[in-house]
All heavy atoms as atom14 arrays in JSON, in Angstrom:
{
  "sequence": "GRRKSAVARVRLIPGEGKFIVNGKDGNLYFQFNANYLGLIK",
  "atom14_mask": [
    [1, 1, 1, 1, 0, 0, 0, 0, 0, 0, 0, 0, 0, 0],
    [1, 1, 1, 1, 1, 1, 1, 1, 1, 1, 1, 0, 0, 0],
    [1, 1, 1, 1, 1, 1, 1, 1, 1, 1, 1, 0, 0, 0],
    [1, 1, 1, 1, 1, 1, 1, 1, 1, 0, 0, 0, 0, 0],
    [1, 1, 1, 1, 1, 1, 0, 0, 0, 0, 0, 0, 0, 0],
    [1, 1, 1, 1, 1, 0, 0, 0, 0, 0, 0, 0, 0, 0],
    [1, 1, 1, 1, 1, 1, 1, 0, 0, 0, 0, 0, 0, 0],
    [1, 1, 1, 1, 1, 0, 0, 0, 0, 0, 0, 0, 0, 0],
    [1, 1, 1, 1, 1, 1, 1, 1, 1, 1, 1, 0, 0, 0],
    [1, 1, 1, 1, 1, 1, 1, 0, 0, 0, 0, 0, 0, 0],
    [1, 1, 1, 1, 1, 1, 1, 1, 1, 1, 1, 0, 0, 0],
    [1, 1, 1, 1, 1, 1, 1, 1, 0, 0, 0, 0, 0, 0],
    [1, 1, 1, 1, 1, 1, 1, 1, 0, 0, 0, 0, 0, 0],
    [1, 1, 1, 1, 1, 1, 1, 0, 0, 0, 0, 0, 0, 0],
    [1, 1, 1, 1, 0, 0, 0, 0, 0, 0, 0, 0, 0, 0],
    [1, 1, 1, 1, 1, 1, 1, 1, 1, 0, 0, 0, 0, 0],
    [1, 1, 1, 1, 0, 0, 0, 0, 0, 0, 0, 0, 0, 0],
    [1, 1, 1, 1, 1, 1, 1, 1, 1, 0, 0, 0, 0, 0],
    [1, 1, 1, 1, 1, 1, 1, 1, 1, 1, 1, 0, 0, 0],
    [1, 1, 1, 1, 1, 1, 1, 1, 0, 0, 0, 0, 0, 0],
    [1, 1, 1, 1, 1, 1, 1, 0, 0, 0, 0, 0, 0, 0],
    [1, 1, 1, 1, 1, 1, 1, 1, 0, 0, 0, 0, 0, 0],
    [1, 1, 1, 1, 0, 0, 0, 0, 0, 0, 0, 0, 0, 0],
    [1, 1, 1, 1, 1, 1, 1, 1, 1, 0, 0, 0, 0, 0],
    [1, 1, 1, 1, 1, 1, 1, 1, 0, 0, 0, 0, 0, 0],
    [1, 1, 1, 1, 0, 0, 0, 0, 0, 0, 0, 0, 0, 0],
    [1, 1, 1, 1, 1, 1, 1, 1, 0, 0, 0, 0, 0, 0],
    [1, 1, 1, 1, 1, 1, 1, 1, 0, 0, 0, 0, 0, 0],
    [1, 1, 1, 1, 1, 1, 1, 1, 1, 1, 1, 1, 0, 0],
    [1, 1, 1, 1, 1, 1, 1, 1, 1, 1, 1, 0, 0, 0],
    [1, 1, 1, 1, 1, 1, 1, 1, 1, 0, 0, 0, 0, 0],
    [1, 1, 1, 1, 1, 1, 1, 1, 1, 1, 1, 0, 0, 0],
    [1, 1, 1, 1, 1, 1, 1, 1, 0, 0, 0, 0, 0, 0],
    [1, 1, 1, 1, 1, 0, 0, 0, 0, 0, 0, 0, 0, 0],
    [1, 1, 1, 1, 1, 1, 1, 1, 0, 0, 0, 0, 0, 0],
    [1, 1, 1, 1, 1, 1, 1, 1, 1, 1, 1, 1, 0, 0],
    [1, 1, 1, 1, 1, 1, 1, 1, 0, 0, 0, 0, 0, 0],
    [1, 1, 1, 1, 0, 0, 0, 0, 0, 0, 0, 0, 0, 0],
    [1, 1, 1, 1, 1, 1, 1, 1, 0, 0, 0, 0, 0, 0],
    [1, 1, 1, 1, 1, 1, 1, 1, 0, 0, 0, 0, 0, 0],
    [1, 1, 1, 1, 1, 1, 1, 1, 1, 0, 0, 0, 0, 0]
  ],
  "atom14_positions": [
    [[50.5, 42.88, 17.83], [51.7, 42.37, 17.08], [51.39, 42.51, 15.75], [50.32, 42.32, 15.09], [0.0, 0.0, 0.0], [0.0, 0.0, 0.0], [0.0, 0.0, 0.0], [0.0, 0.0, 0.0], [0.0, 0.0, 0.0], [0.0, 0.0, 0.0], [0.0, 0.0, 0.0], [0.0, 0.0, 0.0], [0.0, 0.0, 0.0], [0.0, 0.0, 0.0]],
    [[52.61, 42.72, 14.88], [52.46, 42.84, 13.46], [53.62, 42.02, 12.88], [54.77, 41.99, 13.37], [52.68, 44.28, 12.93], [51.37, 45.15, 13.25], [51.57, 46.55, 12.83], [50.5, 47.35, 13.42], [50.58, 47.94, 14.59], [51.63, 47.78, 15.4], [49.6, 48.67, 14.98], [0.0, 0.0, 0.0], [0.0, 0.0, 0.0], [0.0, 0.0, 0.0]],
    [[53.29, 41.35, 11.67], [54.42, 40.62, 10.9], [54.0, 40.49, 9.46], [52.8, 40.11, 9.29], [54.59, 39.26, 11.45], [55.33, 38.3, 10.69], [56.86, 38.53, 10.91], [57.71, 37.39, 10.51], [58.06, 37.17, 9.13], [57.7, 37.97, 8.2], [58.79, 36.12, 8.87], [0.0, 0.0, 0.0], [0.0, 0.0, 0.0], [0.0, 0.0, 0.0]],
    [[54.82, 40.97, 8.51], [54.4, 41.0, 7.07], [53.17, 41.83, 7.04], [53.13, 42.96, 7.39], [54.23, 39.59, 6.59], [55.57, 38.85, 6.47], [55.19, 37.49, 5.74], [56.56, 36.68, 5.44], [56.29, 35.47, 4.78], [0.0, 0.0, 0.0], [0.0, 0.0, 0.0], [0.0, 0.0, 0.0], [0.0, 0.0, 0.0], [0.0, 0.0, 0.0]],
    [[52.07, 41.24, 6.5], [50.83, 41.99, 6.45], [49.78, 41.55, 7.54], [48.63, 41.86, 7.44], [50.16, 41.95, 4.99], [49.92, 40.57, 4.74], [0.0, 0.0, 0.0], [0.0, 0.0, 0.0], [0.0, 0.0, 0.0], [0.0, 0.0, 0.0], [0.0, 0.0, 0.0], [0.0, 0.0, 0.0], [0.0, 0.0, 0.0], [0.0, 0.0, 0.0]],
    [[50.27, 40.78, 8.5], [49.3, 40.25, 9.5], [49.41, 41.13, 10.66], [50.31, 41.7, 11.08], [49.69, 38.8, 9.88], [0.0, 0.0, 0.0], [0.0, 0.0, 0.0], [0.0, 0.0, 0.0], [0.0, 0.0, 0.0], [0.0, 0.0, 0.0], [0.0, 0.0, 0.0], [0.0, 0.0, 0.0], [0.0, 0.0, 0.0], [0.0, 0.0, 0.0]],
    [[48.21, 41.36, 11.35], [48.01, 42.2, 12.5], [47.24, 41.36, 13.48], [46.17, 40.73, 13.14], [47.37, 43.5, 12.26], [47.18, 44.35, 13.57], [48.05, 44.34, 11.21], [0.0, 0.0, 0.0], [0.0, 0.0, 0.0], [0.0, 0.0, 0.0], [0.0, 0.0, 0.0], [0.0, 0.0, 0.0], [0.0, 0.0, 0.0], [0.0, 0.0, 0.0]],
    [[47.73, 41.23, 14.77], [47.07, 40.56, 15.76], [46.78, 41.39, 17.06], [47.73, 42.04, 17.54], [47.84, 39.33, 16.16], [0.0, 0.0, 0.0], [0.0, 0.0, 0.0], [0.0, 0.0, 0.0], [0.0, 0.0, 0.0], [0.0, 0.0, 0.0], [0.0, 0.0, 0.0], [0.0, 0.0, 0.0], [0.0, 0.0, 0.0], [0.0, 0.0, 0.0]],
    [[45.51, 41.6, 17.4], [45.28, 42.28, 18.65], [45.07, 41.18, 19.81], [44.11, 40.29, 19.71], [44.04, 43.14, 18.44], [44.3, 44.23, 17.59], [43.22, 45.33, 17.51], [41.81, 44.72, 17.34], [41.22, 44.67, 16.16], [41.8, 45.19, 15.05], [39.99, 44.28, 15.99], [0.0, 0.0, 0.0], [0.0, 0.0, 0.0], [0.0, 0.0, 0.0]],
    [[45.87, 41.17, 20.74], [45.88, 40.07, 21.77], [45.49, 40.65, 23.1], [45.88, 41.76, 23.43], [47.37, 39.58, 21.91], [47.45, 38.41, 22.9], [47.83, 38.99, 20.48], [0.0, 0.0, 0.0], [0.0, 0.0, 0.0], [0.0, 0.0, 0.0], [0.0, 0.0, 0.0], [0.0, 0.0, 0.0], [0.0, 0.0, 0.0], [0.0, 0.0, 0.0]],
    [[44.62, 39.78, 23.78], [44.19, 40.24, 25.14], [44.67, 38.97, 25.95], [44.45, 37.84, 25.73], [42.71, 40.31, 25.29], [42.18, 41.56, 24.69], [40.67, 41.68, 24.91], [39.93, 40.65, 24.15], [38.71, 40.29, 24.23], [37.96, 40.9, 25.21], [38.18, 39.43, 23.5], [0.0, 0.0, 0.0], [0.0, 0.0, 0.0], [0.0, 0.0, 0.0]],
    [[45.2, 39.39, 27.07], [45.64, 38.33, 28.18], [44.66, 38.48, 29.31], [44.57, 39.63, 29.78], [47.03, 38.47, 28.62], [48.17, 37.94, 27.69], [49.45, 38.09, 28.4], [47.93, 36.51, 27.31], [0.0, 0.0, 0.0], [0.0, 0.0, 0.0], [0.0, 0.0, 0.0], [0.0, 0.0, 0.0], [0.0, 0.0, 0.0], [0.0, 0.0, 0.0]],
    [[43.9, 37.47, 29.7], [43.02, 37.49, 30.85], [43.34, 36.37, 31.82], [43.58, 35.32, 31.28], [41.63, 37.37, 30.28], [41.22, 38.45, 29.36], [40.6, 37.29, 31.41], [39.98, 38.15, 28.66], [0.0, 0.0, 0.0], [0.0, 0.0, 0.0], [0.0, 0.0, 0.0], [0.0, 0.0, 0.0], [0.0, 0.0, 0.0], [0.0, 0.0, 0.0]],
    [[43.4, 36.64, 33.08], [43.64, 35.6, 33.99], [42.67, 34.44, 33.82], [41.5, 34.76, 33.79], [43.51, 36.28, 35.39], [43.8, 37.73, 35.15], [43.3, 37.93, 33.74], [0.0, 0.0, 0.0], [0.0, 0.0, 0.0], [0.0, 0.0, 0.0], [0.0, 0.0, 0.0], [0.0, 0.0, 0.0], [0.0, 0.0, 0.0], [0.0, 0.0, 0.0]],
    [[43.23, 33.21, 33.71], [42.34, 32.08, 33.46], [43.09, 30.71, 33.53], [44.07, 30.71, 34.24], [0.0, 0.0, 0.0], [0.0, 0.0, 0.0], [0.0, 0.0, 0.0], [0.0, 0.0, 0.0], [0.0, 0.0, 0.0], [0.0, 0.0, 0.0], [0.0, 0.0, 0.0], [0.0, 0.0, 0.0], [0.0, 0.0, 0.0], [0.0, 0.0, 0.0]],
    [[42.7, 29.73, 32.76], [43.34, 28.49, 32.84], [44.12, 28.06, 31.66], [44.31, 26.88, 31.44], [42.26, 27.3, 33.24], [41.17, 27.17, 32.15], [40.02, 28.22, 32.36], [40.01, 28.76, 33.43], [39.11, 28.19, 31.51], [0.0, 0.0, 0.0], [0.0, 0.0, 0.0], [0.0, 0.0, 0.0], [0.0, 0.0, 0.0], [0.0, 0.0, 0.0]],
    [[44.49, 29.0, 30.76], [45.34, 28.73, 29.58], [44.56, 28.41, 28.31], [45.15, 27.78, 27.39], [0.0, 0.0, 0.0], [0.0, 0.0, 0.0], [0.0, 0.0, 0.0], [0.0, 0.0, 0.0], [0.0, 0.0, 0.0], [0.0, 0.0, 0.0], [0.0, 0.0, 0.0], [0.0, 0.0, 0.0], [0.0, 0.0, 0.0], [0.0, 0.0, 0.0]],
    [[43.27, 28.94, 28.2], [42.57, 28.81, 26.91], [43.29, 29.67, 25.88], [43.84, 30.73, 26.18], [41.03, 29.17, 27.04], [40.29, 28.09, 27.79], [38.74, 28.44, 27.61], [38.44, 29.62, 28.49], [37.01, 29.93, 28.58], [0.0, 0.0, 0.0], [0.0, 0.0, 0.0], [0.0, 0.0, 0.0], [0.0, 0.0, 0.0], [0.0, 0.0, 0.0]],
    [[43.06, 29.24, 24.56], [43.72, 30.0, 23.46], [42.69, 30.09, 22.38], [42.31, 29.1, 21.82], [45.0, 29.23, 22.99], [45.67, 29.88, 21.8], [45.82, 31.14, 21.75], [46.11, 28.97, 20.85], [46.33, 31.79, 20.63], [46.76, 29.64, 19.77], [46.86, 31.05, 19.56], [0.0, 0.0, 0.0], [0.0, 0.0, 0.0], [0.0, 0.0, 0.0]],
    [[42.07, 31.32, 22.13], [41.07, 31.49, 21.09], [41.52, 32.5, 20.17], [41.93, 33.6, 20.49], [39.73, 31.93, 21.9], [39.31, 30.82, 22.82], [38.63, 32.26, 20.85], [38.19, 31.14, 23.78], [0.0, 0.0, 0.0], [0.0, 0.0, 0.0], [0.0, 0.0, 0.0], [0.0, 0.0, 0.0], [0.0, 0.0, 0.0], [0.0, 0.0, 0.0]],
    [[41.39, 32.16, 18.82], [41.77, 33.07, 17.73], [40.48, 33.3, 16.81], [39.85, 32.34, 16.37], [42.85, 32.47, 16.87], [43.21, 33.35, 15.86], [44.13, 32.11, 17.77], [0.0, 0.0, 0.0], [0.0, 0.0, 0.0], [0.0, 0.0, 0.0], [0.0, 0.0, 0.0], [0.0, 0.0, 0.0], [0.0, 0.0, 0.0], [0.0, 0.0, 0.0]],
    [[40.03, 34.52, 16.74], [38.91, 34.82, 15.95], [37.65, 33.93, 16.21], [36.96, 33.52, 15.31], [39.27, 34.72, 14.42], [40.27, 35.7, 13.97], [40.58, 36.68, 14.69], [40.89, 35.51, 12.76], [0.0, 0.0, 0.0], [0.0, 0.0, 0.0], [0.0, 0.0, 0.0], [0.0, 0.0, 0.0], [0.0, 0.0, 0.0], [0.0, 0.0, 0.0]],
    [[37.42, 33.77, 17.41], [36.25, 32.88, 17.97], [36.4, 31.45, 17.91], [35.55, 30.72, 18.25], [0.0, 0.0, 0.0], [0.0, 0.0, 0.0], [0.0, 0.0, 0.0], [0.0, 0.0, 0.0], [0.0, 0.0, 0.0], [0.0, 0.0, 0.0], [0.0, 0.0, 0.0], [0.0, 0.0, 0.0], [0.0, 0.0, 0.0], [0.0, 0.0, 0.0]],
    [[37.49, 31.07, 17.38], [37.82, 29.44, 17.18], [38.88, 29.1, 18.23], [39.67, 29.89, 18.68], [38.26, 29.09, 15.85], [37.37, 29.16, 14.72], [38.06, 28.64, 13.52], [37.18, 28.62, 12.27], [37.9, 28.22, 11.09], [0.0, 0.0, 0.0], [0.0, 0.0, 0.0], [0.0, 0.0, 0.0], [0.0, 0.0, 0.0], [0.0, 0.0, 0.0]],
    [[38.93, 27.78, 18.53], [39.9, 27.26, 19.44], [41.28, 27.48, 18.7], [41.23, 27.17, 17.45], [39.63, 25.77, 19.74], [40.74, 25.25, 20.57], [41.02, 25.77, 21.56], [41.24, 24.22, 20.14], [0.0, 0.0, 0.0], [0.0, 0.0, 0.0], [0.0, 0.0, 0.0], [0.0, 0.0, 0.0], [0.0, 0.0, 0.0], [0.0, 0.0, 0.0]],
    [[42.25, 27.84, 19.3], [43.53, 28.14, 18.7], [44.14, 26.94, 18.07], [44.84, 26.97, 17.05], [0.0, 0.0, 0.0], [0.0, 0.0, 0.0], [0.0, 0.0, 0.0], [0.0, 0.0, 0.0], [0.0, 0.0, 0.0], [0.0, 0.0, 0.0], [0.0, 0.0, 0.0], [0.0, 0.0, 0.0], [0.0, 0.0, 0.0], [0.0, 0.0, 0.0]],
    [[43.92, 25.74, 18.66], [44.49, 24.4, 18.06], [43.74, 24.22, 16.67], [44.49, 23.81, 15.78], [44.14, 23.28, 18.93], [44.93, 23.37, 20.21], [46.13, 23.82, 20.22], [44.4, 23.01, 21.36], [0.0, 0.0, 0.0], [0.0, 0.0, 0.0], [0.0, 0.0, 0.0], [0.0, 0.0, 0.0], [0.0, 0.0, 0.0], [0.0, 0.0, 0.0]],
    [[42.52, 24.5, 16.55], [41.87, 24.23, 15.33], [42.19, 25.36, 14.3], [42.45, 24.99, 13.13], [40.36, 24.34, 15.5], [39.53, 23.21, 16.13], [38.13, 23.46, 16.37], [39.72, 21.97, 15.15], [0.0, 0.0, 0.0], [0.0, 0.0, 0.0], [0.0, 0.0, 0.0], [0.0, 0.0, 0.0], [0.0, 0.0, 0.0], [0.0, 0.0, 0.0]],
    [[42.36, 26.6, 14.73], [42.66, 27.63, 13.86], [44.08, 27.42, 13.17], [44.17, 27.72, 12.09], [42.65, 29.05, 14.62], [42.83, 30.25, 13.68], [41.77, 30.73, 13.08], [44.08, 30.78, 13.46], [41.87, 31.91, 12.28], [44.2, 31.93, 12.62], [43.09, 32.41, 11.98], [43.27, 33.55, 11.22], [0.0, 0.0, 0.0], [0.0, 0.0, 0.0]],
    [[45.0, 26.98, 14.01], [46.33, 26.76, 13.43], [46.52, 25.25, 13.04], [47.59, 24.8, 12.96], [47.45, 27.15, 14.46], [47.55, 28.65, 14.52], [47.07, 29.35, 15.67], [48.1, 29.34, 13.44], [47.18, 30.7, 15.62], [48.24, 30.66, 13.44], [47.77, 31.47, 14.63], [0.0, 0.0, 0.0], [0.0, 0.0, 0.0], [0.0, 0.0, 0.0]],
    [[45.47, 24.49, 12.85], [45.39, 23.14, 12.3], [46.25, 22.17, 13.14], [46.99, 21.28, 12.57], [45.88, 23.17, 10.84], [45.04, 24.15, 10.06], [45.65, 24.56, 8.67], [46.7, 24.12, 8.44], [44.87, 25.28, 8.01], [0.0, 0.0, 0.0], [0.0, 0.0, 0.0], [0.0, 0.0, 0.0], [0.0, 0.0, 0.0], [0.0, 0.0, 0.0]],
    [[46.32, 22.4, 14.44], [47.09, 21.5, 15.39], [48.58, 21.44, 14.96], [49.29, 20.42, 15.26], [46.52, 20.04, 15.35], [45.12, 19.97, 15.95], [44.02, 20.03, 15.16], [44.93, 19.91, 17.36], [42.71, 20.05, 15.65], [43.7, 19.95, 17.79], [42.56, 19.95, 16.98], [0.0, 0.0, 0.0], [0.0, 0.0, 0.0], [0.0, 0.0, 0.0]],
    [[48.95, 22.45, 14.34], [50.46, 22.58, 13.95], [51.3, 23.0, 15.2], [51.24, 24.06, 15.68], [50.66, 23.58, 12.88], [52.0, 23.65, 12.3], [53.05, 23.35, 13.01], [52.21, 23.86, 11.02], [0.0, 0.0, 0.0], [0.0, 0.0, 0.0], [0.0, 0.0, 0.0], [0.0, 0.0, 0.0], [0.0, 0.0, 0.0], [0.0, 0.0, 0.0]],
    [[52.13, 21.99, 15.66], [52.87, 22.25, 16.93], [53.82, 23.31, 16.79], [54.16, 24.12, 17.72], [53.61, 20.93, 17.3], [0.0, 0.0, 0.0], [0.0, 0.0, 0.0], [0.0, 0.0, 0.0], [0.0, 0.0, 0.0], [0.0, 0.0, 0.0], [0.0, 0.0, 0.0], [0.0, 0.0, 0.0], [0.0, 0.0, 0.0], [0.0, 0.0, 0.0]],
    [[54.36, 23.66, 15.58], [55.31, 24.73, 15.4], [54.74, 26.04, 15.62], [55.27, 26.88, 16.35], [55.85, 24.75, 13.92], [56.67, 23.55, 13.68], [57.36, 23.02, 14.53], [56.82, 23.14, 12.33], [0.0, 0.0, 0.0], [0.0, 0.0, 0.0], [0.0, 0.0, 0.0], [0.0, 0.0, 0.0], [0.0, 0.0, 0.0], [0.0, 0.0, 0.0]],
    [[53.52, 26.34, 15.08], [52.91, 27.55, 15.35], [52.42, 27.71, 16.79], [52.66, 28.8, 17.32], [51.53, 27.67, 14.51], [51.82, 27.71, 13.0], [50.97, 27.13, 12.06], [52.87, 28.57, 12.48], [51.24, 27.18, 10.67], [53.18, 28.55, 11.13], [52.35, 28.01, 10.26], [52.51, 28.02, 8.92], [0.0, 0.0, 0.0], [0.0, 0.0, 0.0]],
    [[51.9, 26.68, 17.42], [51.4, 26.71, 18.79], [52.59, 26.96, 19.76], [52.47, 27.75, 20.66], [50.61, 25.49, 19.07], [49.32, 25.18, 18.3], [48.73, 23.81, 18.5], [48.29, 26.28, 18.49], [0.0, 0.0, 0.0], [0.0, 0.0, 0.0], [0.0, 0.0, 0.0], [0.0, 0.0, 0.0], [0.0, 0.0, 0.0], [0.0, 0.0, 0.0]],
    [[53.69, 26.33, 19.47], [54.85, 26.45, 20.31], [55.41, 27.83, 20.22], [55.82, 28.37, 21.21], [0.0, 0.0, 0.0], [0.0, 0.0, 0.0], [0.0, 0.0, 0.0], [0.0, 0.0, 0.0], [0.0, 0.0, 0.0], [0.0, 0.0, 0.0], [0.0, 0.0, 0.0], [0.0, 0.0, 0.0], [0.0, 0.0, 0.0], [0.0, 0.0, 0.0]],
    [[55.4, 28.34, 19.0], [55.86, 29.67, 18.76], [55.02, 30.74, 19.52], [55.6, 31.74, 20.14], [55.74, 30.04, 17.27], [56.36, 31.24, 16.58], [57.89, 30.91, 16.58], [55.88, 31.47, 15.26], [0.0, 0.0, 0.0], [0.0, 0.0, 0.0], [0.0, 0.0, 0.0], [0.0, 0.0, 0.0], [0.0, 0.0, 0.0], [0.0, 0.0, 0.0]],
    [[53.77, 30.5, 19.58], [52.82, 31.56, 20.11], [52.99, 31.5, 21.65], [52.92, 32.6, 22.37], [51.43, 31.33, 19.72], [51.16, 31.58, 18.27], [50.37, 31.93, 20.58], [50.07, 30.95, 17.65], [0.0, 0.0, 0.0], [0.0, 0.0, 0.0], [0.0, 0.0, 0.0], [0.0, 0.0, 0.0], [0.0, 0.0, 0.0], [0.0, 0.0, 0.0]],
    [[53.13, 30.3, 22.34], [53.14, 30.18, 23.59], [54.54, 30.3, 24.36], [54.68, 30.36, 25.44], [52.53, 28.84, 24.03], [51.11, 28.65, 23.72], [50.38, 27.5, 24.25], [48.83, 27.61, 23.85], [48.13, 26.57, 24.38], [0.0, 0.0, 0.0], [0.0, 0.0, 0.0], [0.0, 0.0, 0.0], [0.0, 0.0, 0.0], [0.0, 0.0, 0.0]]
  ]
}
C-alpha cells in the first residue's frame, strides 16, 4: 500500500488477530489511537 510518501508492505498470515508494525505491537506503534487502528482493520 502507498499513500503520500508512505509505503507499507503487508503480510497476512492465518492466526489469532495479532497486529505488528516494524517489530512493535500495532497498538503501541499507533499510540493506541482508535482512529488509526479502526482504519487499518
